[in-house]
N, C-alpha and C. Protein backbone atom coordinates (compact mmCIF):
# COMPACT_ATOMS: atom_id res chain seq x y z
N UNK A 1 14.41 192.76 81.87
CA UNK A 1 14.55 191.79 82.95
C UNK A 1 13.26 191.69 83.75
N UNK A 2 12.59 192.80 83.90
CA UNK A 2 11.30 192.77 84.60
C UNK A 2 10.30 191.92 83.83
N UNK A 3 10.31 192.07 82.50
CA UNK A 3 9.41 191.27 81.69
C UNK A 3 9.73 189.79 81.85
N UNK A 4 11.01 189.43 81.83
CA UNK A 4 11.38 188.02 81.96
C UNK A 4 10.95 187.47 83.31
N UNK A 5 11.04 188.29 84.36
CA UNK A 5 10.56 187.83 85.67
C UNK A 5 9.04 187.67 85.65
N UNK A 6 8.34 188.53 84.92
CA UNK A 6 6.88 188.48 84.91
C UNK A 6 6.33 187.23 84.24
N UNK A 7 7.09 186.63 83.34
CA UNK A 7 6.58 185.43 82.66
C UNK A 7 6.90 184.14 83.43
N UNK A 8 7.55 184.27 84.58
CA UNK A 8 7.94 183.08 85.34
C UNK A 8 6.75 182.27 85.86
N UNK A 9 5.56 182.84 85.83
CA UNK A 9 4.37 182.13 86.31
C UNK A 9 3.78 181.17 85.27
N UNK A 10 4.27 181.25 84.04
CA UNK A 10 3.72 180.42 82.97
C UNK A 10 4.39 179.05 82.91
N UNK A 11 3.82 178.16 82.10
CA UNK A 11 4.40 176.84 81.87
C UNK A 11 5.78 177.00 81.26
N UNK A 12 6.64 176.03 81.53
CA UNK A 12 8.02 176.12 81.04
C UNK A 12 8.08 176.20 79.52
N UNK A 13 7.20 175.49 78.84
CA UNK A 13 7.19 175.54 77.38
C UNK A 13 6.87 176.95 76.88
N UNK A 14 5.92 177.62 77.53
CA UNK A 14 5.55 178.98 77.15
C UNK A 14 6.72 179.93 77.40
N UNK A 15 7.38 179.77 78.54
CA UNK A 15 8.53 180.62 78.86
C UNK A 15 9.63 180.41 77.82
N UNK A 16 9.92 179.15 77.50
CA UNK A 16 10.96 178.84 76.53
C UNK A 16 10.65 179.46 75.17
N UNK A 17 9.43 179.31 74.69
CA UNK A 17 9.04 179.88 73.39
C UNK A 17 9.12 181.41 73.41
N UNK A 18 8.69 182.01 74.51
CA UNK A 18 8.73 183.47 74.61
C UNK A 18 10.17 183.98 74.59
N UNK A 19 11.03 183.35 75.37
CA UNK A 19 12.42 183.78 75.42
C UNK A 19 13.12 183.56 74.08
N UNK A 20 12.79 182.46 73.42
CA UNK A 20 13.37 182.18 72.11
C UNK A 20 12.95 183.28 71.12
N UNK A 21 11.70 183.69 71.19
CA UNK A 21 11.20 184.75 70.31
C UNK A 21 11.93 186.06 70.57
N UNK A 22 12.14 186.37 71.83
CA UNK A 22 12.86 187.60 72.18
C UNK A 22 14.30 187.54 71.66
N UNK A 23 14.95 186.38 71.81
CA UNK A 23 16.32 186.23 71.29
C UNK A 23 16.37 186.48 69.79
N UNK A 24 15.43 185.90 69.08
CA UNK A 24 15.38 186.08 67.63
C UNK A 24 15.11 187.55 67.27
N UNK A 25 14.21 188.19 68.02
CA UNK A 25 13.91 189.60 67.76
C UNK A 25 15.16 190.47 67.96
N UNK A 26 15.89 190.22 69.06
CA UNK A 26 17.10 191.01 69.32
C UNK A 26 18.15 190.78 68.23
N UNK A 27 18.35 189.52 67.84
CA UNK A 27 19.34 189.22 66.80
C UNK A 27 18.94 189.88 65.48
N UNK A 28 17.66 189.77 65.11
CA UNK A 28 17.17 190.37 63.87
C UNK A 28 17.32 191.89 63.91
N UNK A 29 16.98 192.48 65.05
CA UNK A 29 17.08 193.94 65.19
C UNK A 29 18.51 194.42 65.02
N UNK A 30 19.47 193.67 65.56
CA UNK A 30 20.87 194.04 65.43
C UNK A 30 21.32 193.88 63.97
N UNK A 31 20.97 192.73 63.36
CA UNK A 31 21.39 192.45 61.99
C UNK A 31 20.83 193.46 61.00
N UNK A 32 19.68 194.04 61.29
CA UNK A 32 19.04 194.98 60.38
C UNK A 32 19.24 196.44 60.79
N UNK A 33 20.15 196.67 61.74
CA UNK A 33 20.52 198.03 62.10
C UNK A 33 19.56 198.76 63.01
N UNK A 34 18.62 198.07 63.63
CA UNK A 34 17.68 198.72 64.54
C UNK A 34 18.24 198.86 65.95
N UNK A 35 19.26 198.04 66.29
CA UNK A 35 19.89 198.12 67.60
C UNK A 35 21.41 198.20 67.39
N UNK A 36 22.09 199.01 68.17
CA UNK A 36 23.54 199.15 67.98
C UNK A 36 24.33 197.94 68.51
N UNK A 37 23.70 197.12 69.33
CA UNK A 37 24.39 195.99 69.96
C UNK A 37 23.48 194.76 69.91
N UNK A 38 24.07 193.58 69.75
CA UNK A 38 23.30 192.34 69.75
C UNK A 38 23.06 191.90 71.19
N UNK A 39 21.82 192.03 71.64
CA UNK A 39 21.47 191.68 73.02
C UNK A 39 20.93 190.25 73.15
N UNK A 40 20.89 189.53 72.05
CA UNK A 40 20.27 188.19 72.09
C UNK A 40 20.98 187.25 73.06
N UNK A 41 22.28 187.41 73.23
CA UNK A 41 23.01 186.50 74.13
C UNK A 41 22.69 186.78 75.61
N UNK A 42 22.07 187.92 75.91
CA UNK A 42 21.72 188.25 77.29
C UNK A 42 20.40 187.63 77.73
N UNK A 43 19.62 187.15 76.78
CA UNK A 43 18.34 186.53 77.11
C UNK A 43 18.62 185.11 77.61
N UNK A 44 18.17 184.81 78.82
CA UNK A 44 18.49 183.48 79.38
C UNK A 44 17.84 182.34 78.62
N UNK A 45 18.46 181.19 78.73
CA UNK A 45 17.91 179.96 78.16
C UNK A 45 17.46 179.09 79.31
N UNK A 46 16.31 178.50 79.18
CA UNK A 46 15.86 177.59 80.23
C UNK A 46 15.90 176.17 79.69
N UNK A 47 16.04 175.25 80.58
CA UNK A 47 16.04 173.83 80.21
C UNK A 47 14.81 173.18 80.83
N UNK A 48 14.13 172.47 80.02
CA UNK A 48 13.00 171.69 80.53
C UNK A 48 12.85 170.46 79.66
N UNK A 49 12.24 169.43 80.23
CA UNK A 49 12.00 168.21 79.47
C UNK A 49 10.56 168.21 79.02
N UNK A 50 10.41 168.01 77.75
CA UNK A 50 9.07 167.95 77.18
C UNK A 50 8.64 166.50 77.18
N UNK A 51 7.62 166.20 77.95
CA UNK A 51 7.11 164.84 78.01
C UNK A 51 5.94 164.71 77.03
N UNK A 52 5.92 163.62 76.34
CA UNK A 52 4.83 163.38 75.41
C UNK A 52 3.55 163.09 76.18
N UNK A 53 2.46 163.59 75.65
CA UNK A 53 1.16 163.32 76.25
C UNK A 53 0.42 162.32 75.37
N UNK A 54 -0.40 161.54 75.98
CA UNK A 54 -1.22 160.61 75.22
C UNK A 54 -2.29 161.43 74.52
N UNK A 55 -2.39 161.30 73.19
CA UNK A 55 -3.39 162.11 72.48
C UNK A 55 -4.81 161.68 72.83
N UNK A 56 -5.71 162.63 72.77
CA UNK A 56 -7.12 162.34 73.01
C UNK A 56 -7.70 161.66 71.77
N UNK A 57 -8.44 160.60 72.00
CA UNK A 57 -9.08 159.88 70.91
C UNK A 57 -10.35 159.22 71.43
N UNK A 58 -11.22 158.89 70.52
CA UNK A 58 -12.48 158.27 70.88
C UNK A 58 -12.65 156.97 70.12
N UNK A 59 -13.42 156.06 70.68
CA UNK A 59 -13.61 154.74 70.07
C UNK A 59 -14.51 154.86 68.84
N UNK A 60 -14.49 153.81 68.04
CA UNK A 60 -15.35 153.78 66.85
C UNK A 60 -16.82 153.86 67.27
N UNK A 61 -17.16 153.21 68.38
CA UNK A 61 -18.55 153.25 68.86
C UNK A 61 -18.94 154.67 69.27
N UNK A 62 -18.03 155.39 69.91
CA UNK A 62 -18.32 156.77 70.31
C UNK A 62 -18.46 157.68 69.09
N UNK A 63 -17.64 157.46 68.07
CA UNK A 63 -17.75 158.27 66.84
C UNK A 63 -19.08 157.98 66.17
N UNK A 64 -19.48 156.72 66.13
CA UNK A 64 -20.77 156.36 65.54
C UNK A 64 -21.92 157.01 66.32
N UNK A 65 -21.80 156.99 67.63
CA UNK A 65 -22.79 157.63 68.50
C UNK A 65 -22.87 159.12 68.20
N UNK A 66 -21.72 159.74 68.01
CA UNK A 66 -21.65 161.16 67.68
C UNK A 66 -22.35 161.45 66.36
N UNK A 67 -22.03 160.67 65.34
CA UNK A 67 -22.62 160.88 64.01
C UNK A 67 -24.13 160.66 64.03
N UNK A 68 -24.59 159.74 64.87
CA UNK A 68 -26.02 159.42 64.92
C UNK A 68 -26.89 160.52 65.51
N UNK A 69 -26.30 161.44 66.28
CA UNK A 69 -27.12 162.50 66.89
C UNK A 69 -27.28 163.72 65.99
N UNK A 70 -26.60 163.73 64.86
CA UNK A 70 -26.70 164.88 63.95
C UNK A 70 -28.03 164.82 63.20
N UNK A 71 -28.78 165.91 63.26
CA UNK A 71 -30.05 166.00 62.54
C UNK A 71 -29.74 166.36 61.09
N UNK A 72 -29.77 165.36 60.23
CA UNK A 72 -29.41 165.57 58.83
C UNK A 72 -30.60 165.99 57.99
N UNK A 73 -31.69 166.39 58.64
CA UNK A 73 -32.87 166.86 57.92
C UNK A 73 -32.85 168.38 57.77
N UNK A 74 -31.89 169.05 58.40
CA UNK A 74 -31.82 170.50 58.26
C UNK A 74 -30.46 170.89 57.67
N UNK A 75 -30.37 172.06 57.06
CA UNK A 75 -29.15 172.48 56.36
C UNK A 75 -27.89 172.49 57.23
N UNK A 76 -28.00 173.00 58.45
CA UNK A 76 -26.82 173.06 59.32
C UNK A 76 -26.39 171.66 59.72
N UNK A 77 -27.35 170.80 59.98
CA UNK A 77 -27.02 169.41 60.32
C UNK A 77 -26.32 168.70 59.16
N UNK A 78 -26.75 168.98 57.93
CA UNK A 78 -26.10 168.38 56.76
C UNK A 78 -24.65 168.82 56.67
N UNK A 79 -24.40 170.12 56.90
CA UNK A 79 -23.03 170.64 56.88
C UNK A 79 -22.20 170.03 58.02
N UNK A 80 -22.75 170.04 59.21
CA UNK A 80 -22.03 169.54 60.37
C UNK A 80 -21.69 168.06 60.25
N UNK A 81 -22.58 167.31 59.63
CA UNK A 81 -22.34 165.87 59.43
C UNK A 81 -21.11 165.67 58.54
N UNK A 82 -20.98 166.47 57.50
CA UNK A 82 -19.81 166.36 56.63
C UNK A 82 -18.54 166.74 57.40
N UNK A 83 -18.63 167.81 58.23
CA UNK A 83 -17.49 168.18 59.08
C UNK A 83 -17.02 166.97 59.89
N UNK A 84 -17.97 166.35 60.56
CA UNK A 84 -17.64 165.23 61.45
C UNK A 84 -17.06 164.04 60.68
N UNK A 85 -17.58 163.80 59.48
CA UNK A 85 -17.03 162.73 58.65
C UNK A 85 -15.59 163.03 58.24
N UNK A 86 -15.33 164.25 57.82
CA UNK A 86 -13.95 164.62 57.43
C UNK A 86 -12.98 164.44 58.60
N UNK A 87 -13.39 164.86 59.77
CA UNK A 87 -12.51 164.76 60.94
C UNK A 87 -12.34 163.30 61.38
N UNK A 88 -13.44 162.55 61.45
CA UNK A 88 -13.36 161.20 62.00
C UNK A 88 -12.88 160.15 60.99
N UNK A 89 -13.26 160.27 59.75
CA UNK A 89 -12.90 159.25 58.76
C UNK A 89 -11.58 159.53 58.07
N UNK A 90 -11.27 160.83 57.87
CA UNK A 90 -10.06 161.18 57.13
C UNK A 90 -8.99 161.84 57.99
N UNK A 91 -9.35 162.23 59.21
CA UNK A 91 -8.37 162.82 60.11
C UNK A 91 -7.89 164.20 59.68
N UNK A 92 -8.70 164.92 58.93
CA UNK A 92 -8.29 166.26 58.50
C UNK A 92 -8.35 167.25 59.65
N UNK A 93 -7.43 168.19 59.65
CA UNK A 93 -7.44 169.27 60.63
C UNK A 93 -8.60 170.22 60.33
N UNK A 94 -9.04 170.92 61.36
CA UNK A 94 -10.15 171.86 61.21
C UNK A 94 -9.86 172.91 60.15
N UNK A 95 -8.62 173.42 60.12
CA UNK A 95 -8.28 174.46 59.13
C UNK A 95 -8.35 173.92 57.71
N UNK A 96 -8.01 172.64 57.53
CA UNK A 96 -8.07 172.05 56.19
C UNK A 96 -9.51 171.75 55.77
N UNK A 97 -10.33 171.33 56.72
CA UNK A 97 -11.74 171.08 56.42
C UNK A 97 -12.41 172.39 56.00
N UNK A 98 -12.24 173.43 56.81
CA UNK A 98 -12.90 174.70 56.53
C UNK A 98 -12.32 175.41 55.32
N UNK A 99 -11.08 175.10 54.97
CA UNK A 99 -10.44 175.71 53.82
C UNK A 99 -10.74 175.02 52.50
N UNK A 100 -11.46 173.91 52.54
CA UNK A 100 -11.75 173.17 51.30
C UNK A 100 -12.55 174.01 50.32
N UNK A 101 -12.10 173.95 49.07
CA UNK A 101 -12.80 174.63 47.98
C UNK A 101 -13.25 173.58 46.97
N UNK A 102 -14.13 173.97 46.10
CA UNK A 102 -14.64 173.03 45.09
C UNK A 102 -13.52 172.44 44.24
N UNK A 103 -12.50 173.24 43.98
CA UNK A 103 -11.38 172.76 43.16
C UNK A 103 -10.60 171.63 43.83
N UNK A 104 -10.74 171.46 45.15
CA UNK A 104 -10.04 170.39 45.87
C UNK A 104 -10.69 169.02 45.67
N UNK A 105 -11.94 169.02 45.25
CA UNK A 105 -12.66 167.75 45.06
C UNK A 105 -12.44 167.26 43.64
N UNK A 106 -11.84 166.11 43.52
CA UNK A 106 -11.57 165.50 42.21
C UNK A 106 -12.53 164.32 42.04
N UNK A 107 -13.76 164.64 41.65
CA UNK A 107 -14.82 163.63 41.57
C UNK A 107 -14.47 162.51 40.60
N UNK A 108 -13.83 162.88 39.48
CA UNK A 108 -13.56 161.86 38.44
C UNK A 108 -12.58 160.79 38.91
N UNK A 109 -11.73 161.10 39.90
CA UNK A 109 -10.76 160.11 40.41
C UNK A 109 -11.02 159.75 41.87
N UNK A 110 -12.14 160.23 42.42
CA UNK A 110 -12.49 159.96 43.83
C UNK A 110 -11.35 160.33 44.77
N UNK A 111 -10.85 161.55 44.61
CA UNK A 111 -9.75 162.04 45.43
C UNK A 111 -10.05 163.46 45.92
N UNK A 112 -9.40 163.78 47.02
CA UNK A 112 -9.40 165.15 47.53
C UNK A 112 -7.94 165.57 47.54
N UNK A 113 -7.65 166.69 46.90
CA UNK A 113 -6.27 167.19 46.84
C UNK A 113 -6.25 168.59 47.43
N UNK A 114 -5.35 168.79 48.39
CA UNK A 114 -5.26 170.09 49.03
C UNK A 114 -3.84 170.33 49.53
N UNK A 115 -3.57 171.57 49.82
CA UNK A 115 -2.31 171.93 50.47
C UNK A 115 -2.64 172.17 51.93
N UNK A 116 -2.02 171.38 52.81
CA UNK A 116 -2.30 171.50 54.22
C UNK A 116 -1.89 172.88 54.73
N UNK A 117 -2.79 173.50 55.47
CA UNK A 117 -2.51 174.85 55.95
C UNK A 117 -1.40 174.88 56.99
N UNK A 118 -1.31 173.86 57.83
CA UNK A 118 -0.31 173.86 58.89
C UNK A 118 1.09 173.59 58.35
N UNK A 119 1.20 172.62 57.43
CA UNK A 119 2.52 172.18 56.97
C UNK A 119 2.91 172.73 55.61
N UNK A 120 1.93 173.11 54.80
CA UNK A 120 2.21 173.55 53.44
C UNK A 120 2.44 172.38 52.49
N UNK A 121 2.28 171.15 52.99
CA UNK A 121 2.49 169.96 52.17
C UNK A 121 1.24 169.64 51.37
N UNK A 122 1.45 169.06 50.19
CA UNK A 122 0.33 168.60 49.36
C UNK A 122 -0.20 167.30 49.95
N UNK A 123 -1.50 167.21 50.06
CA UNK A 123 -2.13 166.01 50.61
C UNK A 123 -3.17 165.51 49.62
N UNK A 124 -3.07 164.24 49.29
CA UNK A 124 -4.07 163.60 48.43
C UNK A 124 -4.67 162.45 49.23
N UNK A 125 -5.98 162.49 49.40
CA UNK A 125 -6.68 161.47 50.18
C UNK A 125 -7.89 160.99 49.39
N UNK A 126 -8.36 159.78 49.71
CA UNK A 126 -9.51 159.26 48.97
C UNK A 126 -10.80 160.00 49.32
N UNK A 127 -11.62 160.19 48.33
CA UNK A 127 -12.95 160.74 48.54
C UNK A 127 -13.86 159.54 48.74
N UNK A 128 -14.03 159.16 50.00
CA UNK A 128 -14.82 157.97 50.33
C UNK A 128 -16.28 158.16 49.93
N UNK A 129 -16.92 157.05 49.61
CA UNK A 129 -18.29 157.12 49.11
C UNK A 129 -19.24 157.82 50.07
N UNK A 130 -19.19 157.45 51.37
CA UNK A 130 -20.12 158.06 52.32
C UNK A 130 -19.86 159.56 52.47
N UNK A 131 -18.61 159.96 52.38
CA UNK A 131 -18.29 161.39 52.46
C UNK A 131 -18.77 162.11 51.20
N UNK A 132 -18.55 161.50 50.04
CA UNK A 132 -19.01 162.08 48.78
C UNK A 132 -20.52 162.27 48.77
N UNK A 133 -21.24 161.25 49.24
CA UNK A 133 -22.70 161.36 49.28
C UNK A 133 -23.16 162.44 50.25
N UNK A 134 -22.48 162.55 51.39
CA UNK A 134 -22.83 163.59 52.37
C UNK A 134 -22.54 164.98 51.81
N UNK A 135 -21.45 165.13 51.06
CA UNK A 135 -21.14 166.42 50.43
C UNK A 135 -22.22 166.78 49.42
N UNK A 136 -22.59 165.82 48.59
CA UNK A 136 -23.63 166.07 47.58
C UNK A 136 -24.94 166.47 48.25
N UNK A 137 -25.31 165.77 49.33
CA UNK A 137 -26.55 166.09 50.05
C UNK A 137 -26.48 167.52 50.59
N UNK A 138 -25.34 167.89 51.15
CA UNK A 138 -25.19 169.25 51.68
C UNK A 138 -25.26 170.28 50.56
N UNK A 139 -24.57 170.03 49.45
CA UNK A 139 -24.56 171.00 48.36
C UNK A 139 -25.94 171.16 47.73
N UNK A 140 -26.68 170.07 47.60
CA UNK A 140 -27.99 170.13 46.96
C UNK A 140 -29.08 170.65 47.90
N UNK A 141 -29.00 170.27 49.18
CA UNK A 141 -30.13 170.52 50.06
C UNK A 141 -29.80 171.31 51.32
N UNK A 142 -28.56 171.78 51.46
CA UNK A 142 -28.21 172.47 52.70
C UNK A 142 -27.46 173.77 52.53
N UNK A 143 -26.56 173.81 51.58
CA UNK A 143 -25.68 174.97 51.44
C UNK A 143 -26.46 176.18 50.91
N UNK A 144 -26.31 177.33 51.57
CA UNK A 144 -26.99 178.53 51.06
C UNK A 144 -26.46 178.92 49.68
N UNK A 145 -27.27 179.59 48.91
CA UNK A 145 -26.85 180.07 47.60
C UNK A 145 -25.84 181.19 47.79
N UNK A 146 -24.63 180.96 47.33
CA UNK A 146 -23.57 181.94 47.47
C UNK A 146 -22.51 181.68 46.40
N UNK A 147 -21.76 182.71 46.08
CA UNK A 147 -20.68 182.59 45.10
C UNK A 147 -19.37 182.15 45.73
N UNK A 148 -19.36 181.89 47.03
CA UNK A 148 -18.13 181.49 47.72
C UNK A 148 -17.53 180.25 47.08
N UNK A 149 -16.22 180.26 46.93
CA UNK A 149 -15.52 179.09 46.39
C UNK A 149 -15.29 178.03 47.46
N UNK A 150 -15.52 178.39 48.73
CA UNK A 150 -15.39 177.44 49.82
C UNK A 150 -16.63 176.54 49.86
N UNK A 151 -16.39 175.28 50.15
CA UNK A 151 -17.51 174.34 50.23
C UNK A 151 -18.38 174.65 51.43
N UNK A 152 -17.73 174.89 52.58
CA UNK A 152 -18.47 175.09 53.82
C UNK A 152 -18.55 176.57 54.16
N UNK A 153 -19.78 177.04 54.31
CA UNK A 153 -20.01 178.45 54.59
C UNK A 153 -20.90 178.60 55.82
N UNK A 154 -20.86 179.79 56.39
CA UNK A 154 -21.76 180.12 57.48
C UNK A 154 -23.18 180.15 56.90
N UNK A 155 -24.15 179.88 57.74
CA UNK A 155 -25.53 179.85 57.25
C UNK A 155 -26.29 181.13 57.57
N UNK A 156 -25.55 182.22 57.70
CA UNK A 156 -26.14 183.55 57.85
C UNK A 156 -25.42 184.47 56.88
N UNK A 157 -26.15 185.42 56.29
CA UNK A 157 -25.50 186.33 55.34
C UNK A 157 -24.33 187.04 56.00
N UNK A 158 -23.26 187.30 55.31
CA UNK A 158 -23.02 187.20 53.88
C UNK A 158 -22.48 185.84 53.43
N UNK A 159 -22.70 184.77 54.18
CA UNK A 159 -22.32 183.40 53.81
C UNK A 159 -20.83 183.26 53.54
N UNK A 160 -20.03 183.79 54.45
CA UNK A 160 -18.57 183.65 54.34
C UNK A 160 -18.14 182.23 54.67
N UNK A 161 -16.89 181.93 54.35
CA UNK A 161 -16.35 180.61 54.65
C UNK A 161 -16.44 180.33 56.14
N UNK A 162 -16.73 179.09 56.47
CA UNK A 162 -16.81 178.67 57.87
C UNK A 162 -15.41 178.76 58.48
N UNK A 163 -15.31 179.25 59.69
CA UNK A 163 -14.01 179.44 60.35
C UNK A 163 -13.61 178.19 61.13
N UNK A 164 -12.35 177.83 61.01
CA UNK A 164 -11.84 176.64 61.71
C UNK A 164 -12.03 176.75 63.21
N UNK A 165 -11.90 177.96 63.74
CA UNK A 165 -12.06 178.14 65.19
C UNK A 165 -13.47 177.80 65.66
N UNK A 166 -14.45 177.89 64.77
CA UNK A 166 -15.83 177.57 65.13
C UNK A 166 -16.12 176.08 65.08
N UNK A 167 -15.24 175.32 64.45
CA UNK A 167 -15.46 173.88 64.32
C UNK A 167 -15.38 173.19 65.68
N UNK A 168 -14.56 173.72 66.59
CA UNK A 168 -14.48 173.14 67.94
C UNK A 168 -15.86 173.17 68.59
N UNK A 169 -16.56 174.29 68.47
CA UNK A 169 -17.88 174.43 69.07
C UNK A 169 -18.86 173.42 68.48
N UNK A 170 -18.79 173.22 67.17
CA UNK A 170 -19.67 172.26 66.51
C UNK A 170 -19.45 170.85 67.07
N UNK A 171 -18.19 170.42 67.11
CA UNK A 171 -17.88 169.07 67.58
C UNK A 171 -18.27 168.92 69.05
N UNK A 172 -17.92 169.89 69.86
CA UNK A 172 -18.22 169.83 71.28
C UNK A 172 -19.73 169.76 71.53
N UNK A 173 -20.50 170.52 70.76
CA UNK A 173 -21.96 170.52 70.91
C UNK A 173 -22.53 169.12 70.65
N UNK A 174 -22.06 168.46 69.58
CA UNK A 174 -22.58 167.13 69.27
C UNK A 174 -22.08 166.09 70.26
N UNK A 175 -20.89 166.28 70.81
CA UNK A 175 -20.41 165.35 71.83
C UNK A 175 -21.27 165.44 73.08
N UNK A 176 -21.66 166.65 73.43
CA UNK A 176 -22.57 166.82 74.57
C UNK A 176 -23.93 166.21 74.27
N UNK A 177 -24.43 166.44 73.08
CA UNK A 177 -25.73 165.90 72.68
C UNK A 177 -25.72 164.37 72.67
N UNK A 178 -24.59 163.79 72.28
CA UNK A 178 -24.46 162.33 72.24
C UNK A 178 -24.13 161.74 73.61
N UNK A 179 -23.91 162.64 74.59
CA UNK A 179 -23.57 162.23 75.95
C UNK A 179 -22.31 161.37 76.00
N UNK A 180 -21.33 161.78 75.22
CA UNK A 180 -20.04 161.07 75.20
C UNK A 180 -19.18 161.67 76.32
N UNK A 181 -18.81 160.84 77.30
CA UNK A 181 -18.04 161.37 78.42
C UNK A 181 -16.62 161.75 77.99
N UNK A 182 -16.12 162.80 78.61
CA UNK A 182 -14.74 163.23 78.37
C UNK A 182 -14.11 163.49 79.72
N UNK A 183 -13.31 162.55 80.21
CA UNK A 183 -12.66 162.76 81.50
C UNK A 183 -11.79 164.02 81.46
N UNK A 184 -11.48 164.54 82.63
CA UNK A 184 -10.67 165.75 82.71
C UNK A 184 -9.36 165.54 81.95
N UNK A 185 -9.01 166.52 81.14
CA UNK A 185 -7.78 166.46 80.36
C UNK A 185 -7.96 165.88 78.96
N UNK A 186 -9.10 165.25 78.70
CA UNK A 186 -9.36 164.69 77.37
C UNK A 186 -10.03 165.75 76.51
N UNK A 187 -9.49 165.95 75.32
CA UNK A 187 -10.01 167.00 74.44
C UNK A 187 -11.33 166.59 73.82
N UNK A 188 -12.14 167.62 73.47
CA UNK A 188 -13.46 167.37 72.89
C UNK A 188 -13.61 167.97 71.50
N UNK A 189 -12.56 168.45 70.92
CA UNK A 189 -12.67 169.12 69.64
C UNK A 189 -12.41 168.20 68.47
N UNK A 190 -12.35 168.77 67.26
CA UNK A 190 -12.17 167.97 66.05
C UNK A 190 -10.83 167.25 65.98
N UNK A 191 -9.82 167.77 66.67
CA UNK A 191 -8.50 167.13 66.63
C UNK A 191 -8.55 165.75 67.29
N UNK A 192 -9.34 165.63 68.36
CA UNK A 192 -9.47 164.33 69.03
C UNK A 192 -10.24 163.37 68.17
């Protein structure tokens, strides 16, 4: 009960998710013999209305401005340009962009086939010409020599796969460089 009182300072959605998790833990513990009594019914339920928020998005002109500030003469710029194309032209999530492997590129049919990390669903999308050319440029002139099966790698040894959590920093850096304004509450990452 002290713990439940301690979380009262958080957003209602956070409180609801936390209490739901505790209920499930108590029910699971009872069902699997870890607790002699099912305490899940003692965990309170809260009611709140979830209001939809307007998603953050940028205009075509702002995206073009963003792409134009990328220095495509250096290896990191070549990689980052492809990141930005995947996010802006195809709407891929950061985890799916960073998780791409060579086997996902179907050059002979101009398709990209992958299993989405968030949903587990199979996704087939077109391999657009400008994206294909940017990938080729990165692979030929930017990507470090490594045996990694991931297309996008860090540019410092041991050249591991690029992490989705780092993609936010990449996008935000170029948005600042392009001087694209983001009013308070508007997101600046790859999802926007």
